[in-house]
Amino acid sequence: MVRSVNGVPYSHVKEQSACDETLLTLISEVEALLNSRPITTVIMDSSDEPLSPNHLLLIASSAK
């Protein structure tokens, strides 16, 4: 997971210097990518969407 988080900004920014807004955007995109990864096994025959951290985060935030 650490490699996933570190790899994305380095691959996008490379040799350029980035402003704070760009880095915050990249971190937000990495967060969305990692939170959309399935927790459960993906079954190809099923029409159900696999459970991901986003499901748990969005349910908890909408219940408030």
PDB file of N, CA and C in Angstrom:
ATOM      1  N   MET A   1       0.815  -1.186   0.000  1.00  0.00           N
ATOM      2  CA  MET A   1       0.000   0.000   0.000  1.00  0.00           C
ATOM      3  C   MET A   1       0.871   1.268   0.000  1.00  0.00           C
ATOM      4  N   VAL A   2       1.959   1.241   0.733  1.00  0.00           N
ATOM      5  CA  VAL A   2       2.834   2.411   0.774  1.00  0.00           C
ATOM      6  C   VAL A   2       3.419   2.668  -0.613  1.00  0.00           C
ATOM      7  N   ARG A   3       3.793   1.622  -1.306  1.00  0.00           N
ATOM      8  CA  ARG A   3       4.335   1.763  -2.649  1.00  0.00           C
ATOM      9  C   ARG A   3       3.283   2.375  -3.585  1.00  0.00           C
ATOM     10  N   SER A   4       2.030   1.991  -3.412  1.00  0.00           N
ATOM     11  CA  SER A   4       0.955   2.549  -4.230  1.00  0.00           C
ATOM     12  C   SER A   4       0.801   4.040  -3.983  1.00  0.00           C
ATOM     13  N   VAL A   5       0.860   4.425  -2.712  1.00  0.00           N
ATOM     14  CA  VAL A   5       0.702   5.836  -2.361  1.00  0.00           C
ATOM     15  C   VAL A   5       1.897   6.653  -2.848  1.00  0.00           C
ATOM     16  N   ASN A   6       3.095   6.122  -2.706  1.00  0.00           N
ATOM     17  CA  ASN A   6       4.289   6.865  -3.110  1.00  0.00           C
ATOM     18  C   ASN A   6       4.481   6.896  -4.621  1.00  0.00           C
ATOM     19  N   GLY A   7       4.061   5.868  -5.311  1.00  0.00           N
ATOM     20  CA  GLY A   7       4.325   5.774  -6.740  1.00  0.00           C
ATOM     21  C   GLY A   7       3.551   6.754  -7.591  1.00  0.00           C
ATOM     22  N   VAL A   8       2.323   7.030  -7.249  1.00  0.00           N
ATOM     23  CA  VAL A   8       1.486   7.893  -8.085  1.00  0.00           C
ATOM     24  C   VAL A   8       2.006   9.322  -8.149  1.00  0.00           C
ATOM     25  N   PRO A   9       2.266   9.997  -7.025  1.00  0.00           N
ATOM     26  CA  PRO A   9       2.772  11.375  -7.139  1.00  0.00           C
ATOM     27  C   PRO A   9       4.106  11.465  -7.874  1.00  0.00           C
ATOM     28  N   TYR A  10       4.992  10.520  -7.617  1.00  0.00           N
ATOM     29  CA  TYR A  10       6.289  10.562  -8.290  1.00  0.00           C
ATOM     30  C   TYR A  10       6.147  10.359  -9.799  1.00  0.00           C
ATOM     31  N   SER A  11       5.235   9.530 -10.206  1.00  0.00           N
ATOM     32  CA  SER A  11       5.068   9.294 -11.637  1.00  0.00           C
ATOM     33  C   SER A  11       4.411  10.488 -12.334  1.00  0.00           C
ATOM     34  N   HIS A  12       3.594  11.253 -11.624  1.00  0.00           N
ATOM     35  CA  HIS A  12       2.928  12.401 -12.232  1.00  0.00           C
ATOM     36  C   HIS A  12       3.801  13.659 -12.197  1.00  0.00           C
ATOM     37  N   VAL A  13       4.499  13.858 -11.112  1.00  0.00           N
ATOM     38  CA  VAL A  13       5.272  15.093 -10.945  1.00  0.00           C
ATOM     39  C   VAL A  13       6.641  14.981 -11.604  1.00  0.00           C
ATOM     40  N   LYS A  14       7.289  13.830 -11.480  1.00  0.00           N
ATOM     41  CA  LYS A  14       8.625  13.532 -12.016  1.00  0.00           C
ATOM     42  C   LYS A  14       9.641  14.583 -11.618  1.00  0.00           C
ATOM     43  N   GLU A  15      10.211  15.295 -12.577  1.00  0.00           N
ATOM     44  CA  GLU A  15      11.281  16.254 -12.301  1.00  0.00           C
ATOM     45  C   GLU A  15      10.767  17.667 -12.040  1.00  0.00           C
ATOM     46  N   GLN A  16       9.504  17.889 -12.183  1.00  0.00           N
ATOM     47  CA  GLN A  16       8.947  19.231 -12.028  1.00  0.00           C
ATOM     48  C   GLN A  16       8.691  19.517 -10.556  1.00  0.00           C
ATOM     49  N   SER A  17       8.743  20.806 -10.218  1.00  0.00           N
ATOM     50  CA  SER A  17       8.323  21.188  -8.871  1.00  0.00           C
ATOM     51  C   SER A  17       6.819  21.442  -8.912  1.00  0.00           C
ATOM     52  N   ALA A  18       6.144  21.051  -7.866  1.00  0.00           N
ATOM     53  CA  ALA A  18       4.687  21.164  -7.838  1.00  0.00           C
ATOM     54  C   ALA A  18       4.264  22.083  -6.698  1.00  0.00           C
ATOM     55  N   CYS A  19       3.203  22.837  -6.937  1.00  0.00           N
ATOM     56  CA  CYS A  19       2.683  23.704  -5.890  1.00  0.00           C
ATOM     57  C   CYS A  19       1.832  22.888  -4.923  1.00  0.00           C
ATOM     58  N   ASP A  20       1.463  23.494  -3.816  1.00  0.00           N
ATOM     59  CA  ASP A  20       0.685  22.804  -2.793  1.00  0.00           C
ATOM     60  C   ASP A  20      -0.645  22.299  -3.327  1.00  0.00           C
ATOM     61  N   GLU A  21      -1.297  23.088  -4.151  1.00  0.00           N
ATOM     62  CA  GLU A  21      -2.601  22.695  -4.696  1.00  0.00           C
ATOM     63  C   GLU A  21      -2.491  21.443  -5.560  1.00  0.00           C
ATOM     64  N   THR A  22      -1.438  21.358  -6.349  1.00  0.00           N
ATOM     65  CA  THR A  22      -1.222  20.181  -7.194  1.00  0.00           C
ATOM     66  C   THR A  22      -0.979  18.942  -6.347  1.00  0.00           C
ATOM     67  N   LEU A  23      -0.176  19.066  -5.305  1.00  0.00           N
ATOM     68  CA  LEU A  23       0.095  17.930  -4.434  1.00  0.00           C
ATOM     69  C   LEU A  23      -1.159  17.482  -3.686  1.00  0.00           C
ATOM     70  N   LEU A  24      -1.973  18.434  -3.237  1.00  0.00           N
ATOM     71  CA  LEU A  24      -3.227  18.071  -2.570  1.00  0.00           C
ATOM     72  C   LEU A  24      -4.174  17.349  -3.523  1.00  0.00           C
ATOM     73  N   THR A  25      -4.205  17.788  -4.765  1.00  0.00           N
ATOM     74  CA  THR A  25      -5.038  17.119  -5.764  1.00  0.00           C
ATOM     75  C   THR A  25      -4.547  15.698  -6.005  1.00  0.00           C
ATOM     76  N   LEU A  26      -3.246  15.525  -6.124  1.00  0.00           N
ATOM     77  CA  LEU A  26      -2.685  14.184  -6.331  1.00  0.00           C
ATOM     78  C   LEU A  26      -2.982  13.260  -5.162  1.00  0.00           C
ATOM     79  N   ILE A  27      -2.834  13.776  -3.938  1.00  0.00           N
ATOM     80  CA  ILE A  27      -3.107  12.956  -2.759  1.00  0.00           C
ATOM     81  C   ILE A  27      -4.587  12.587  -2.703  1.00  0.00           C
ATOM     82  N   SER A  28      -5.469  13.508  -3.087  1.00  0.00           N
ATOM     83  CA  SER A  28      -6.903  13.212  -3.121  1.00  0.00           C
ATOM     84  C   SER A  28      -7.220  12.129  -4.144  1.00  0.00           C
ATOM     85  N   GLU A  29      -6.558  12.184  -5.290  1.00  0.00           N
ATOM     86  CA  GLU A  29      -6.764  11.161  -6.316  1.00  0.00           C
ATOM     87  C   GLU A  29      -6.240   9.800  -5.860  1.00  0.00           C
ATOM     88  N   VAL A  30      -5.111   9.777  -5.182  1.00  0.00           N
ATOM     89  CA  VAL A  30      -4.563   8.527  -4.647  1.00  0.00           C
ATOM     90  C   VAL A  30      -5.506   7.963  -3.594  1.00  0.00           C
ATOM     91  N   GLU A  31      -6.027   8.831  -2.733  1.00  0.00           N
ATOM     92  CA  GLU A  31      -6.968   8.403  -1.707  1.00  0.00           C
ATOM     93  C   GLU A  31      -8.207   7.770  -2.330  1.00  0.00           C
ATOM     94  N   ALA A  32      -8.754   8.404  -3.350  1.00  0.00           N
ATOM     95  CA  ALA A  32      -9.939   7.865  -4.026  1.00  0.00           C
ATOM     96  C   ALA A  32      -9.626   6.523  -4.684  1.00  0.00           C
ATOM     97  N   LEU A  33      -8.460   6.426  -5.290  1.00  0.00           N
ATOM     98  CA  LEU A  33      -8.058   5.175  -5.941  1.00  0.00           C
ATOM     99  C   LEU A  33      -7.931   4.030  -4.936  1.00  0.00           C
ATOM    100  N   LEU A  34      -7.255   4.291  -3.833  1.00  0.00           N
ATOM    101  CA  LEU A  34      -7.059   3.245  -2.828  1.00  0.00           C
ATOM    102  C   LEU A  34      -8.364   2.873  -2.133  1.00  0.00           C
ATOM    103  N   ASN A  35      -9.240   3.843  -1.897  1.00  0.00           N
ATOM    104  CA  ASN A  35     -10.511   3.554  -1.240  1.00  0.00           C
ATOM    105  C   ASN A  35     -11.506   2.868  -2.160  1.00  0.00           C
ATOM    106  N   SER A  36     -11.244   2.837  -3.444  1.00  0.00           N
ATOM    107  CA  SER A  36     -12.150   2.152  -4.365  1.00  0.00           C
ATOM    108  C   SER A  36     -11.732   0.700  -4.614  1.00  0.00           C
ATOM    109  N   ARG A  37     -10.594   0.293  -4.064  1.00  0.00           N
ATOM    110  CA  ARG A  37     -10.140  -1.091  -4.221  1.00  0.00           C
ATOM    111  C   ARG A  37     -11.038  -2.022  -3.428  1.00  0.00           C
ATOM    112  N   PRO A  38     -11.425  -3.150  -4.002  1.00  0.00           N
ATOM    113  CA  PRO A  38     -12.333  -4.067  -3.309  1.00  0.00           C
ATOM    114  C   PRO A  38     -11.701  -4.712  -2.078  1.00  0.00           C
ATOM    115  N   ILE A  39     -12.511  -4.860  -1.041  1.00  0.00           N
ATOM    116  CA  ILE A  39     -12.092  -5.550   0.181  1.00  0.00           C
ATOM    117  C   ILE A  39     -12.354  -7.043   0.032  1.00  0.00           C
ATOM    118  N   THR A  40     -13.471  -7.358  -0.596  1.00  0.00           N
ATOM    119  CA  THR A  40     -13.891  -8.749  -0.745  1.00  0.00           C
ATOM    120  C   THR A  40     -13.427  -9.302  -2.089  1.00  0.00           C
ATOM    121  N   THR A  41     -13.593 -10.581  -2.252  1.00  0.00           N
ATOM    122  CA  THR A  41     -13.255 -11.230  -3.506  1.00  0.00           C
ATOM    123  C   THR A  41     -14.232 -10.796  -4.593  1.00  0.00           C
ATOM    124  N   VAL A  42     -13.717 -10.492  -5.760  1.00  0.00           N
ATOM    125  CA  VAL A  42     -14.555 -10.083  -6.882  1.00  0.00           C
ATOM    126  C   VAL A  42     -15.025 -11.329  -7.612  1.00  0.00           C
ATOM    127  N   ILE A  43     -16.344 -11.489  -7.705  1.00  0.00           N
ATOM    128  CA  ILE A  43     -16.937 -12.627  -8.399  1.00  0.00           C
ATOM    129  C   ILE A  43     -17.455 -12.121  -9.739  1.00  0.00           C
ATOM    130  N   MET A  44     -16.940 -12.677 -10.814  1.00  0.00           N
ATOM    131  CA  MET A  44     -17.269 -12.180 -12.154  1.00  0.00           C
ATOM    132  C   MET A  44     -18.726 -12.430 -12.536  1.00  0.00           C
ATOM    133  N   ASP A  45     -19.348 -13.504 -12.041  1.00  0.00           N
ATOM    134  CA  ASP A  45     -20.721 -13.842 -12.414  1.00  0.00           C
ATOM    135  C   ASP A  45     -21.757 -13.025 -11.657  1.00  0.00           C
ATOM    136  N   SER A  46     -21.349 -12.372 -10.589  1.00  0.00           N
ATOM    137  CA  SER A  46     -22.290 -11.651  -9.743  1.00  0.00           C
ATOM    138  C   SER A  46     -22.565 -10.251 -10.300  1.00  0.00           C
ATOM    139  N   SER A  47     -23.806  -9.807 -10.138  1.00  0.00           N
ATOM    140  CA  SER A  47     -24.157  -8.443 -10.560  1.00  0.00           C
ATOM    141  C   SER A  47     -23.932  -7.454  -9.422  1.00  0.00           C
ATOM    142  N   ASP A  48     -23.610  -7.956  -8.225  1.00  0.00           N
ATOM    143  CA  ASP A  48     -23.353  -7.093  -7.078  1.00  0.00           C
ATOM    144  C   ASP A  48     -21.977  -6.447  -7.195  1.00  0.00           C
ATOM    145  N   GLU A  49     -21.886  -5.232  -6.727  1.00  0.00           N
ATOM    146  CA  GLU A  49     -20.618  -4.519  -6.713  1.00  0.00           C
ATOM    147  C   GLU A  49     -19.812  -4.980  -5.500  1.00  0.00           C
ATOM    148  N   PRO A  50     -18.508  -5.236  -5.647  1.00  0.00           N
ATOM    149  CA  PRO A  50     -17.711  -5.700  -4.508  1.00  0.00           C
ATOM    150  C   PRO A  50     -17.587  -4.609  -3.436  1.00  0.00           C
ATOM    151  N   LEU A  51     -17.504  -5.022  -2.186  1.00  0.00           N
ATOM    152  CA  LEU A  51     -17.399  -4.107  -1.059  1.00  0.00           C
ATOM    153  C   LEU A  51     -16.033  -3.429  -1.075  1.00  0.00           C
ATOM    154  N   SER A  52     -16.033  -2.103  -0.902  1.00  0.00           N
ATOM    155  CA  SER A  52     -14.788  -1.336  -0.863  1.00  0.00           C
ATOM    156  C   SER A  52     -14.826  -0.379   0.327  1.00  0.00           C
ATOM    157  N   PRO A  53     -13.685   0.189   0.716  1.00  0.00           N
ATOM    158  CA  PRO A  53     -13.690   1.166   1.803  1.00  0.00           C
ATOM    159  C   PRO A  53     -14.610   2.358   1.529  1.00  0.00           C
ATOM    160  N   ASN A  54     -14.767   2.751   0.268  1.00  0.00           N
ATOM    161  CA  ASN A  54     -15.670   3.856  -0.050  1.00  0.00           C
ATOM    162  C   ASN A  54     -17.094   3.562   0.382  1.00  0.00           C
ATOM    163  N   HIS A  55     -17.524   2.308   0.276  1.00  0.00           N
ATOM    164  CA  HIS A  55     -18.870   1.961   0.729  1.00  0.00           C
ATOM    165  C   HIS A  55     -19.030   2.275   2.212  1.00  0.00           C
ATOM    166  N   LEU A  56     -18.050   1.887   3.003  1.00  0.00           N
ATOM    167  CA  LEU A  56     -18.118   2.120   4.442  1.00  0.00           C
ATOM    168  C   LEU A  56     -17.991   3.600   4.780  1.00  0.00           C
ATOM    169  N   LEU A  57     -17.127   4.319   4.076  1.00  0.00           N
ATOM    170  CA  LEU A  57     -16.950   5.743   4.335  1.00  0.00           C
ATOM    171  C   LEU A  57     -18.181   6.545   3.948  1.00  0.00           C
ATOM    172  N   LEU A  58     -18.779   6.225   2.824  1.00  0.00           N
ATOM    173  CA  LEU A  58     -19.936   6.988   2.358  1.00  0.00           C
ATOM    174  C   LEU A  58     -21.175   6.683   3.185  1.00  0.00           C
ATOM    175  N   ILE A  59     -21.333   5.457   3.659  1.00  0.00           N
ATOM    176  CA  ILE A  59     -22.468   5.133   4.527  1.00  0.00           C
ATOM    177  C   ILE A  59     -22.337   5.866   5.850  1.00  0.00           C
ATOM    178  N   ALA A  60     -21.132   5.892   6.415  1.00  0.00           N
ATOM    179  CA  ALA A  60     -20.921   6.554   7.694  1.00  0.00           C
ATOM    180  C   ALA A  60     -21.124   8.068   7.582  1.00  0.00           C
ATOM    181  N   SER A  61     -20.701   8.675   6.493  1.00  0.00           N
ATOM    182  CA  SER A  61     -20.849  10.128   6.351  1.00  0.00           C
ATOM    183  C   SER A  61     -22.269  10.530   6.029  1.00  0.00           C
ATOM    184  N   SER A  62     -23.050   9.681   5.365  1.00  0.00           N
ATOM    185  CA  SER A  62     -24.424  10.028   5.035  1.00  0.00           C
ATOM    186  C   SER A  62     -25.379   9.799   6.203  1.00  0.00           C
ATOM    187  N   ALA A  63     -24.959   9.010   7.204  1.00  0.00           N
ATOM    188  CA  ALA A  63     -25.805   8.729   8.359  1.00  0.00           C
ATOM    189  C   ALA A  63     -25.842   9.881   9.359  1.00  0.00           C
ATOM    190  N   LYS A  64     -24.897  10.802   9.261  1.00  0.00           N
ATOM    191  CA  LYS A  64     -24.839  11.917  10.215  1.00  0.00           C
ATOM    192  C   LYS A  64     -25.918  12.923   9.999  1.00  0.00           C
TER     193      LYS A  64
END
